[in-house]
Amino acid sequence: MRSKIVMSDAEAAAFLDEQFVVTCATLGHNGFPHLMPLWFVVREGTLWAWTYRKSQKVVNLRRDPRTTLQVEAGGTDYGQLRGIMIEAQTRLHDDLDVVAGVGAALASRYGGVEVPPEAVAQQAPKRIALEFAETRRVTWDHRKLGGSY
């Protein structure tokens, strides 16, 4: 049954283009998962985000760069569930040009108009870019079951 619901690479890429929030899980100092929503962009097949440099997720990632990400599209019933779970090693980028580039890409994606890096440069010193280097992926699209499960 599992093999029937796996997304192809093209389907997964299209799914990520349609979605706007990734839930990012890092490990807190007490070993419990710390879950937070993030806006994201896909750059050359890799998910990227940015966040405040002093955020709890950055504190956690400096200690342990392992991350689990989930992007999902629910529905009103089981047969509509779709999603991607990605395990990744997170690379933190604090170079202001890289941070501003990610910020501009996010602003363009979520604002619907092209935004140059200079437009977000004032925010870059307070932010850090997160590059999620994928190590494992699991996908599901229950619509492929055609109502039989």
Protein backbone atom coordinates (compact mmCIF):
# COMPACT_ATOMS: atom_id res chain seq x y z
CA MET A 1 0.00 0.00 0.00
CA ARG A 2 2.81 2.44 0.91
CA SER A 3 4.33 2.28 -2.58
CA LYS A 4 1.03 3.44 -4.08
CA ILE A 5 1.07 6.80 -2.29
CA VAL A 6 4.69 7.87 -2.85
CA MET A 7 5.12 11.12 -4.77
CA SER A 8 7.52 11.24 -7.70
CA ASP A 9 10.24 13.90 -7.60
CA ALA A 10 8.18 16.05 -9.99
CA GLU A 11 5.05 15.63 -7.87
CA ALA A 12 6.97 16.52 -4.71
CA ALA A 13 8.44 19.64 -6.35
CA ALA A 14 4.98 20.74 -7.54
CA PHE A 15 3.55 20.07 -4.07
CA LEU A 16 6.21 22.24 -2.43
CA ASP A 17 5.47 25.02 -4.94
CA GLU A 18 1.79 24.92 -3.86
CA GLN A 19 2.41 25.01 -0.12
CA PHE A 20 3.48 27.95 2.01
CA VAL A 21 4.34 26.70 5.51
CA VAL A 22 6.87 24.12 6.65
CA THR A 23 6.83 22.88 10.23
CA CYS A 24 10.41 22.74 11.48
CA ALA A 25 11.33 20.43 14.36
CA THR A 26 14.59 20.97 16.23
CA LEU A 27 15.69 19.32 19.46
CA GLY A 28 15.45 21.41 22.60
CA HIS A 29 17.99 21.23 25.43
CA ASN A 30 15.65 18.86 27.29
CA GLY A 31 15.42 16.44 24.36
CA PHE A 32 11.86 17.38 23.43
CA PRO A 33 11.08 18.42 19.85
CA HIS A 34 10.65 22.16 19.33
CA LEU A 35 8.14 22.68 16.49
CA MET A 36 7.79 25.99 14.69
CA PRO A 37 6.20 27.07 11.40
CA LEU A 38 8.37 28.78 8.80
CA TRP A 39 7.91 30.28 5.39
CA PHE A 40 10.26 28.65 2.91
CA VAL A 41 11.68 28.73 -0.58
CA VAL A 42 13.17 25.97 -2.68
CA ARG A 43 16.50 26.96 -4.21
CA GLU A 44 18.11 24.46 -6.59
CA GLY A 45 16.10 21.63 -5.02
CA THR A 46 16.93 22.56 -1.41
CA LEU A 47 14.55 24.09 1.14
CA TRP A 48 15.72 27.37 2.68
CA ALA A 49 14.20 29.68 5.29
CA TRP A 50 15.30 32.51 7.52
CA THR A 51 14.62 33.36 11.11
CA TYR A 52 15.86 35.63 13.88
CA ARG A 53 19.44 34.91 14.93
CA LYS A 54 18.46 34.72 18.59
CA SER A 55 15.45 32.42 18.11
CA GLN A 56 15.14 29.19 20.06
CA LYS A 57 15.39 27.10 16.90
CA VAL A 58 18.78 28.66 16.10
CA VAL A 59 19.98 27.99 19.66
CA ASN A 60 18.86 24.39 19.20
CA LEU A 61 20.47 24.07 15.75
CA ARG A 62 23.80 25.38 16.97
CA ARG A 63 23.79 22.53 19.49
CA ASP A 64 22.42 19.87 17.11
CA PRO A 65 21.90 20.60 13.38
CA ARG A 66 19.45 17.74 12.83
CA THR A 67 16.03 18.88 11.69
CA THR A 68 12.82 17.22 10.66
CA LEU A 69 10.58 19.23 8.36
CA GLN A 70 7.00 18.55 7.42
CA VAL A 71 4.89 20.16 4.74
CA GLU A 72 1.35 18.87 4.57
CA ALA A 73 -1.97 19.51 2.94
CA GLY A 74 -4.83 18.13 4.91
CA GLY A 75 -8.32 17.58 3.78
CA THR A 76 -11.67 16.77 5.18
CA ASP A 77 -10.97 13.05 4.94
CA TYR A 78 -8.12 10.53 4.93
CA GLY A 79 -8.19 10.17 1.15
CA GLN A 80 -7.11 13.79 0.68
CA LEU A 81 -3.98 13.77 2.87
CA ARG A 82 -0.71 14.76 1.18
CA GLY A 83 2.65 15.64 2.55
CA ILE A 84 6.42 15.49 2.67
CA MET A 85 8.60 14.74 5.68
CA ILE A 86 12.26 15.64 5.28
CA GLU A 87 15.11 14.79 7.60
CA ALA A 88 17.95 17.25 7.14
CA GLN A 89 21.21 18.58 8.44
CA THR A 90 20.71 22.31 8.80
CA ARG A 91 23.42 24.70 7.76
CA LEU A 92 23.28 28.14 9.35
CA HIS A 93 24.38 31.00 7.09
CA ASP A 94 25.11 34.38 8.62
CA ASP A 95 26.80 36.03 5.65
CA LEU A 96 24.64 39.12 5.09
CA ASP A 97 24.53 38.68 1.30
CA VAL A 98 23.28 35.10 1.65
CA VAL A 99 20.75 36.10 4.31
CA ALA A 100 19.48 39.02 2.22
CA GLY A 101 19.23 36.75 -0.83
CA VAL A 102 17.07 34.26 1.07
CA GLY A 103 15.00 37.10 2.52
CA ALA A 104 14.43 38.55 -0.94
CA ALA A 105 13.44 35.14 -2.31
CA LEU A 106 10.95 34.74 0.55
CA ALA A 107 9.56 38.24 0.04
CA SER A 108 9.17 37.57 -3.68
CA ARG A 109 7.45 34.22 -3.14
CA TYR A 110 5.04 35.41 -0.48
CA GLY A 111 4.52 38.92 -1.82
CA GLY A 112 3.97 37.89 -5.41
CA VAL A 113 6.37 40.48 -6.85
CA GLU A 114 10.11 40.39 -7.47
CA VAL A 115 12.01 41.80 -4.49
CA PRO A 116 15.72 42.63 -4.78
CA PRO A 117 18.07 41.71 -1.88
CA GLU A 118 18.65 45.42 -1.19
CA ALA A 119 14.98 45.71 -0.17
CA VAL A 120 15.48 43.34 2.78
CA ALA A 121 19.09 44.26 3.59
CA GLN A 122 18.08 46.19 6.73
CA GLN A 123 16.54 43.01 8.18
CA ALA A 124 19.50 40.77 7.33
CA PRO A 125 21.70 41.64 10.35
CA LYS A 126 18.95 40.38 12.70
CA ARG A 127 18.35 37.20 10.71
CA ILE A 128 20.09 33.98 9.79
CA ALA A 129 19.50 31.80 6.73
CA LEU A 130 18.66 28.13 7.22
CA GLU A 131 19.70 25.68 4.51
CA PHE A 132 18.09 22.29 5.02
CA ALA A 133 20.44 19.70 3.48
CA GLU A 134 18.13 16.75 2.96
CA THR A 135 19.27 13.32 4.13
CA ARG A 136 15.97 11.43 3.87
CA ARG A 137 12.51 12.07 2.46
CA VAL A 138 9.12 10.41 2.92
CA THR A 139 6.12 11.48 0.83
CA TRP A 140 2.47 10.57 0.75
CA ASP A 141 -0.48 11.41 -1.46
CA HIS A 142 -3.56 9.48 -0.37
CA ARG A 143 -5.50 10.79 -3.36
CA LYS A 144 -3.63 8.13 -5.38
CA LEU A 145 -5.59 5.43 -3.53
CA GLY A 146 -8.79 6.46 -5.24
CA GLY A 147 -10.82 6.03 -2.06
CA SER A 148 -9.67 2.47 -1.36
CA TYR A 149 -7.74 2.15 1.87
